[in-house]
Amino acid sequence: MVEPTVPTVNAPAAGPGGHRRTGPGRDRFRPPRPRRGTFTRGLTGVLAFLLIGEVVGRAGIVERAFLPPTSTVLGRALGLLTDGGFLQDIAATLLGWGSGLLIAAAIAVPLGLALGSLPFVNSAVRVLIEFLRPIPGVALIPLALLLIPDQAQMVRFVVAYAAIWPIMVNTVYAVGDVDPVARDMARCFGLGGFAVLTRVALPSVAPFIATGVRLASSIALIVTIATELLAGGGEHGIGMFVIQASGGIGTADVVFAAVGIAGVLGFLLDVIMRSAEQRLFRWHFARQGVAA
């Protein structure tokens, strides 16, 4: 009797961090793009929100001095975007956001790698981390005012404290999720602990670090503006602009316009970082089968 022949299937090549890649050619690295319907629904929601604001403002349900129509706010926002002073405020906020986020990443990534790779270090500092992590960054503003007289340095300190946790937690759990077979294989080839960390663990952990940075980015922007609002004393910043504008009479449209611009700024930063994440780690999202 002739035994049936079982077709053999070649195993796909291993990707960074020991993960196997599937699919023919370069397409295996392409994450699925968001559907057009998702964008359309999102745009519909935004337009509906703006329309409701226009109707409520025009109907006089709330006095226009406190809730101006959407068209008035949008007109004021366009005026602010052509104002040199307000552009300096945006630049100051972005500087505080970027520098604080960079400091947080520089601390959180090595710390997360150490905590994820060395269980005894993790167990030694876990209680301290779980104690500090729930403390909101804005709660440290009074303490930071006492210890750090310079406004810009204080903003960087508070932002770095608030942004460090998402990056570090993502890094710790990603290190623990590295394929143990890839680690053992690297050790069989004579790689030491540091080489395994940099050549096997780090490529696998990098997409999760990028996700942590993206999540921390939104937190950093919120804390930056909140610190400018609560601390005061600075020359520029969106928070400083809002607190100064809110002190006048009939300036609700200016305040709403500045807040709206801050929201758009946060959205654009998230889109930019998400796009960079997809381009840098296409192999990761292709393996996951989802868009970032």
Protein backbone atom coordinates (compact mmCIF):
# COMPACT_ATOMS: atom_id res chain seq x y z
CA MET A 1 0.00 0.00 0.00
CA VAL A 2 1.28 3.44 -0.87
CA GLU A 3 1.13 5.81 2.05
CA PRO A 4 -0.38 9.23 1.31
CA THR A 5 2.09 12.00 0.85
CA VAL A 6 1.76 14.83 3.31
CA PRO A 7 2.66 18.16 1.74
CA THR A 8 5.36 20.04 3.58
CA VAL A 9 4.98 23.70 4.41
CA ASN A 10 8.06 25.79 4.88
CA ALA A 11 8.08 27.61 8.21
CA PRO A 12 8.02 31.39 7.81
CA ALA A 13 11.15 33.29 8.64
CA ALA A 14 11.51 34.62 12.13
CA GLY A 15 11.06 38.34 12.54
CA PRO A 16 12.63 40.71 15.06
CA GLY A 17 12.47 39.39 18.60
CA GLY A 18 11.94 35.80 17.44
CA HIS A 19 8.41 36.42 16.12
CA ARG A 20 7.51 34.57 12.92
CA ARG A 21 6.44 36.59 9.89
CA THR A 22 3.76 35.38 7.56
CA GLY A 23 2.47 36.32 4.15
CA PRO A 24 4.14 36.70 0.75
CA GLY A 25 6.64 39.38 -0.07
CA ARG A 26 6.63 42.82 1.40
CA ASP A 27 2.87 42.70 2.00
CA ARG A 28 3.51 40.77 5.19
CA PHE A 29 4.85 43.99 6.73
CA ARG A 30 1.95 46.21 5.77
CA PRO A 31 -0.49 46.87 8.61
CA PRO A 32 -4.11 47.06 7.51
CA ARG A 33 -5.15 50.59 6.82
CA PRO A 34 -8.09 52.15 8.62
CA ARG A 35 -11.28 51.82 6.61
CA ARG A 36 -12.72 54.87 4.94
CA GLY A 37 -15.96 54.33 6.80
CA THR A 38 -14.19 54.83 10.13
CA PHE A 39 -12.92 58.23 9.01
CA THR A 40 -16.36 59.18 7.69
CA ARG A 41 -18.06 58.27 10.97
CA GLY A 42 -15.48 60.20 12.95
CA LEU A 43 -15.91 63.27 10.76
CA THR A 44 -19.69 62.98 11.07
CA GLY A 45 -19.42 62.96 14.84
CA VAL A 46 -17.24 66.08 14.85
CA LEU A 47 -19.58 67.95 12.49
CA ALA A 48 -22.59 66.95 14.58
CA PHE A 49 -20.87 68.26 17.72
CA LEU A 50 -20.07 71.57 16.02
CA LEU A 51 -23.63 71.85 14.70
CA ILE A 52 -25.08 71.28 18.16
CA GLY A 53 -22.80 73.99 19.53
CA GLU A 54 -23.95 76.38 16.81
CA VAL A 55 -27.65 75.65 17.43
CA VAL A 56 -27.36 75.99 21.21
CA GLY A 57 -25.38 79.21 20.88
CA ARG A 58 -27.80 80.75 18.39
CA ALA A 59 -30.92 79.64 20.28
CA GLY A 60 -29.90 81.54 23.39
CA ILE A 61 -30.35 78.54 25.69
CA VAL A 62 -27.11 79.69 27.30
CA GLU A 63 -26.09 83.33 27.21
CA ARG A 64 -23.66 84.01 24.39
CA ALA A 65 -21.25 85.67 26.79
CA PHE A 66 -20.70 82.24 28.33
CA LEU A 67 -21.34 79.91 25.36
CA PRO A 68 -20.77 81.59 21.99
CA PRO A 69 -21.85 79.84 18.75
CA THR A 70 -19.44 77.49 17.02
CA SER A 71 -18.98 79.86 14.07
CA THR A 72 -17.81 82.62 16.41
CA VAL A 73 -15.34 80.29 18.13
CA LEU A 74 -13.99 79.01 14.81
CA GLY A 75 -13.52 82.56 13.54
CA ARG A 76 -11.66 83.48 16.71
CA ALA A 77 -9.51 80.34 16.40
CA LEU A 78 -8.48 81.29 12.87
CA GLY A 79 -7.52 84.71 14.17
CA LEU A 80 -5.41 83.20 16.94
CA LEU A 81 -3.56 80.98 14.48
CA THR A 82 -2.38 84.09 12.64
CA ASP A 83 -1.40 85.91 15.82
CA GLY A 84 2.34 85.90 16.49
CA GLY A 85 1.94 86.05 20.26
CA PHE A 86 -0.32 83.01 20.38
CA LEU A 87 2.02 81.09 18.08
CA GLN A 88 4.75 81.73 20.66
CA ASP A 89 2.40 80.30 23.29
CA ILE A 90 1.96 77.14 21.19
CA ALA A 91 5.73 76.87 20.72
CA ALA A 92 6.32 77.21 24.47
CA THR A 93 3.77 74.50 25.24
CA LEU A 94 5.26 72.17 22.63
CA LEU A 95 8.73 72.77 24.06
CA GLY A 96 7.59 71.82 27.55
CA TRP A 97 5.69 68.83 26.19
CA GLY A 98 8.57 67.55 24.07
CA SER A 99 11.33 68.03 26.62
CA GLY A 100 9.31 66.45 29.42
CA LEU A 101 8.34 63.48 27.24
CA LEU A 102 11.95 63.00 26.15
CA ILE A 103 13.15 62.99 29.77
CA ALA A 104 10.43 60.50 30.69
CA ALA A 105 11.40 58.14 27.87
CA ALA A 106 15.10 58.40 28.72
CA ILE A 107 14.33 57.29 32.30
CA ALA A 108 11.44 54.89 31.72
CA VAL A 109 12.93 52.70 28.97
CA PRO A 110 16.16 51.67 30.77
CA LEU A 111 14.25 51.32 34.03
CA GLY A 112 11.59 49.18 32.38
CA LEU A 113 14.19 46.97 30.72
CA ALA A 114 15.93 46.47 34.06
CA LEU A 115 12.71 45.71 35.93
CA GLY A 116 11.53 43.31 33.25
CA SER A 117 14.87 41.49 32.96
CA LEU A 118 15.87 41.32 36.64
CA PRO A 119 13.11 39.82 38.81
CA PHE A 120 14.90 40.61 42.07
CA VAL A 121 15.09 44.32 41.14
CA ASN A 122 11.42 44.26 40.16
CA SER A 123 10.35 42.76 43.47
CA ALA A 124 12.55 45.21 45.39
CA VAL A 125 11.03 48.38 43.91
CA ARG A 126 7.51 47.23 43.02
CA VAL A 127 5.96 48.59 46.22
CA LEU A 128 7.60 51.98 45.71
CA ILE A 129 6.45 52.15 42.08
CA GLU A 130 2.88 51.19 42.93
CA PHE A 131 2.91 53.90 45.60
CA LEU A 132 4.16 56.65 43.28
CA ARG A 133 2.28 55.70 40.11
CA PRO A 134 -1.26 56.69 41.23
CA ILE A 135 -0.13 60.17 42.34
CA PRO A 136 -1.31 62.66 39.69
CA GLY A 137 1.35 64.86 38.19
CA VAL A 138 -0.68 68.02 38.85
CA ALA A 139 -0.69 67.15 42.57
CA LEU A 140 3.05 67.77 42.57
CA ILE A 141 2.75 71.34 41.26
CA PRO A 142 2.72 73.00 44.73
CA LEU A 143 5.80 70.98 45.72
CA ALA A 144 7.48 71.75 42.42
CA LEU A 145 6.81 75.47 42.92
CA LEU A 146 8.71 75.33 46.19
CA LEU A 147 11.65 73.32 44.90
CA ILE A 148 12.02 74.58 41.31
CA PRO A 149 11.77 78.36 40.88
CA ASP A 150 12.21 78.29 37.09
CA GLN A 151 8.87 77.86 35.27
CA ALA A 152 10.24 75.94 32.31
CA GLN A 153 12.18 73.49 34.48
CA MET A 154 9.17 72.96 36.71
CA VAL A 155 6.97 72.13 33.70
CA ARG A 156 9.54 69.62 32.46
CA PHE A 157 9.75 67.99 35.89
CA VAL A 158 5.98 67.59 36.29
CA VAL A 159 5.49 66.40 32.71
CA ALA A 160 8.31 63.86 32.99
CA TYR A 161 6.86 62.49 36.22
CA ALA A 162 3.39 62.08 34.70
CA ALA A 163 4.60 60.59 31.41
CA ILE A 164 7.11 58.11 32.80
CA TRP A 165 4.57 55.53 34.00
CA PRO A 166 2.87 54.44 30.73
CA ILE A 167 6.25 54.01 29.05
CA MET A 168 7.79 52.08 31.94
CA VAL A 169 4.79 49.78 32.48
CA ASN A 170 4.59 48.96 28.76
CA THR A 171 8.31 48.22 28.70
CA VAL A 172 8.21 45.96 31.77
CA TYR A 173 5.34 43.83 30.49
CA ALA A 174 6.76 43.70 26.96
CA VAL A 175 10.10 42.35 28.25
CA GLY A 176 8.23 39.63 30.10
CA ASP A 177 6.36 38.74 26.89
CA VAL A 178 9.48 38.17 24.76
CA ASP A 179 9.53 34.73 23.14
CA PRO A 180 11.50 32.44 25.53
CA VAL A 181 12.48 30.19 22.60
CA ALA A 182 14.24 33.11 20.92
CA ARG A 183 16.04 33.90 24.17
CA ASP A 184 17.19 30.32 24.66
CA MET A 185 18.31 30.09 21.05
CA ALA A 186 20.40 33.24 21.44
CA ARG A 187 22.03 31.81 24.56
CA CYS A 188 22.78 28.58 22.68
CA PHE A 189 24.72 30.65 20.17
CA GLY A 190 26.83 32.00 23.00
CA LEU A 191 25.25 35.44 23.44
CA GLY A 192 25.56 36.94 26.89
CA GLY A 193 22.81 38.57 28.92
CA PHE A 194 23.41 42.07 27.55
CA ALA A 195 23.58 40.81 23.96
CA VAL A 196 20.31 38.89 24.41
CA LEU A 197 18.71 42.04 25.79
CA THR A 198 19.86 44.28 22.92
CA ARG A 199 19.57 41.82 20.02
CA VAL A 200 16.51 39.78 20.98
CA ALA A 201 14.48 41.51 23.68
CA LEU A 202 14.83 45.12 22.57
CA PRO A 203 13.61 44.61 18.95
CA SER A 204 10.58 42.74 20.32
CA VAL A 205 9.93 45.34 23.01
CA ALA A 206 10.38 48.39 20.76
CA PRO A 207 6.80 48.46 19.37
CA PHE A 208 5.38 48.37 22.88
CA ILE A 209 7.73 51.16 23.95
CA ALA A 210 6.48 53.23 21.00
CA THR A 211 2.89 52.61 22.07
CA GLY A 212 3.76 53.67 25.61
CA VAL A 213 5.36 56.86 24.32
CA ARG A 214 2.27 57.62 22.24
CA LEU A 215 -0.02 57.13 25.24
CA ALA A 216 2.29 59.21 27.41
CA SER A 217 2.28 61.94 24.77
CA SER A 218 -1.37 62.80 25.45
CA ILE A 219 -0.78 62.76 29.19
CA ALA A 220 2.26 65.00 28.75
CA LEU A 221 0.30 67.60 26.76
CA ILE A 222 -2.53 67.64 29.32
CA VAL A 223 -0.10 68.05 32.22
CA THR A 224 1.87 70.73 30.37
CA ILE A 225 -1.19 72.93 29.86
CA ALA A 226 -2.52 72.18 33.36
CA THR A 227 0.81 73.17 34.90
CA GLU A 228 0.81 76.43 32.94
CA LEU A 229 -2.73 77.07 34.15
CA LEU A 230 -2.18 76.29 37.82
CA ALA A 231 1.37 77.47 38.35
CA GLY A 232 1.31 80.70 36.37
CA GLY A 233 4.32 82.94 36.40
CA GLY A 234 5.44 82.03 32.89
CA GLU A 235 5.64 84.32 29.91
CA HIS A 236 4.22 82.00 27.26
CA GLY A 237 2.14 78.86 26.94
CA ILE A 238 -1.40 77.89 25.98
CA GLY A 239 -2.30 77.52 29.65
CA MET A 240 -0.99 81.00 30.42
CA PHE A 241 -2.97 82.41 27.49
CA VAL A 242 -6.19 80.75 28.68
CA ILE A 243 -5.83 81.95 32.27
CA GLN A 244 -5.14 85.51 31.12
CA ALA A 245 -8.00 85.50 28.59
CA SER A 246 -10.49 84.13 31.10
CA GLY A 247 -9.94 87.13 33.35
CA GLY A 248 -11.54 89.52 30.85
CA ILE A 249 -15.19 90.30 30.12
CA GLY A 250 -16.79 88.85 27.01
CA THR A 251 -13.77 86.70 26.16
CA ALA A 252 -15.47 83.31 26.24
CA ASP A 253 -14.94 82.90 22.50
CA VAL A 254 -11.20 83.44 22.97
CA VAL A 255 -11.03 80.86 25.75
CA PHE A 256 -13.03 78.29 23.79
CA ALA A 257 -10.89 78.92 20.70
CA ALA A 258 -7.64 78.40 22.63
CA VAL A 259 -8.99 75.23 24.26
CA GLY A 260 -10.15 73.94 20.88
CA ILE A 261 -6.72 74.61 19.36
CA ALA A 262 -5.15 72.69 22.24
CA GLY A 263 -7.44 69.75 21.48
CA VAL A 264 -6.58 69.83 17.77
CA LEU A 265 -2.91 70.01 18.68
CA GLY A 266 -3.21 66.89 20.81
CA PHE A 267 -5.07 65.10 18.01
CA LEU A 268 -2.39 66.00 15.44
CA LEU A 269 0.40 64.84 17.74
CA ASP A 270 -1.36 61.51 18.22
CA VAL A 271 -1.86 61.10 14.46
CA ILE A 272 1.81 61.87 13.78
CA MET A 273 3.06 59.46 16.43
CA ARG A 274 0.61 56.75 15.36
CA SER A 275 1.73 57.09 11.74
CA ALA A 276 5.40 56.92 12.74
CA GLU A 277 4.64 53.86 14.89
CA GLN A 278 3.01 52.09 11.94
CA ARG A 279 5.88 52.87 9.59
CA LEU A 280 8.66 51.90 11.99
CA PHE A 281 7.05 48.67 13.17
CA ARG A 282 5.06 47.44 10.18
CA TRP A 283 6.19 43.87 10.86
CA HIS A 284 4.70 44.02 14.36
CA PHE A 285 1.28 45.24 13.27
CA ALA A 286 1.22 42.80 10.35
CA ARG A 287 1.83 39.98 12.83
CA GLN A 288 -0.90 41.30 15.14
CA GLY A 289 -3.26 41.76 12.20
CA VAL A 290 -4.48 45.15 13.49
CA ALA A 291 -3.71 48.76 12.80
CA ALA A 292 -1.95 50.81 15.46
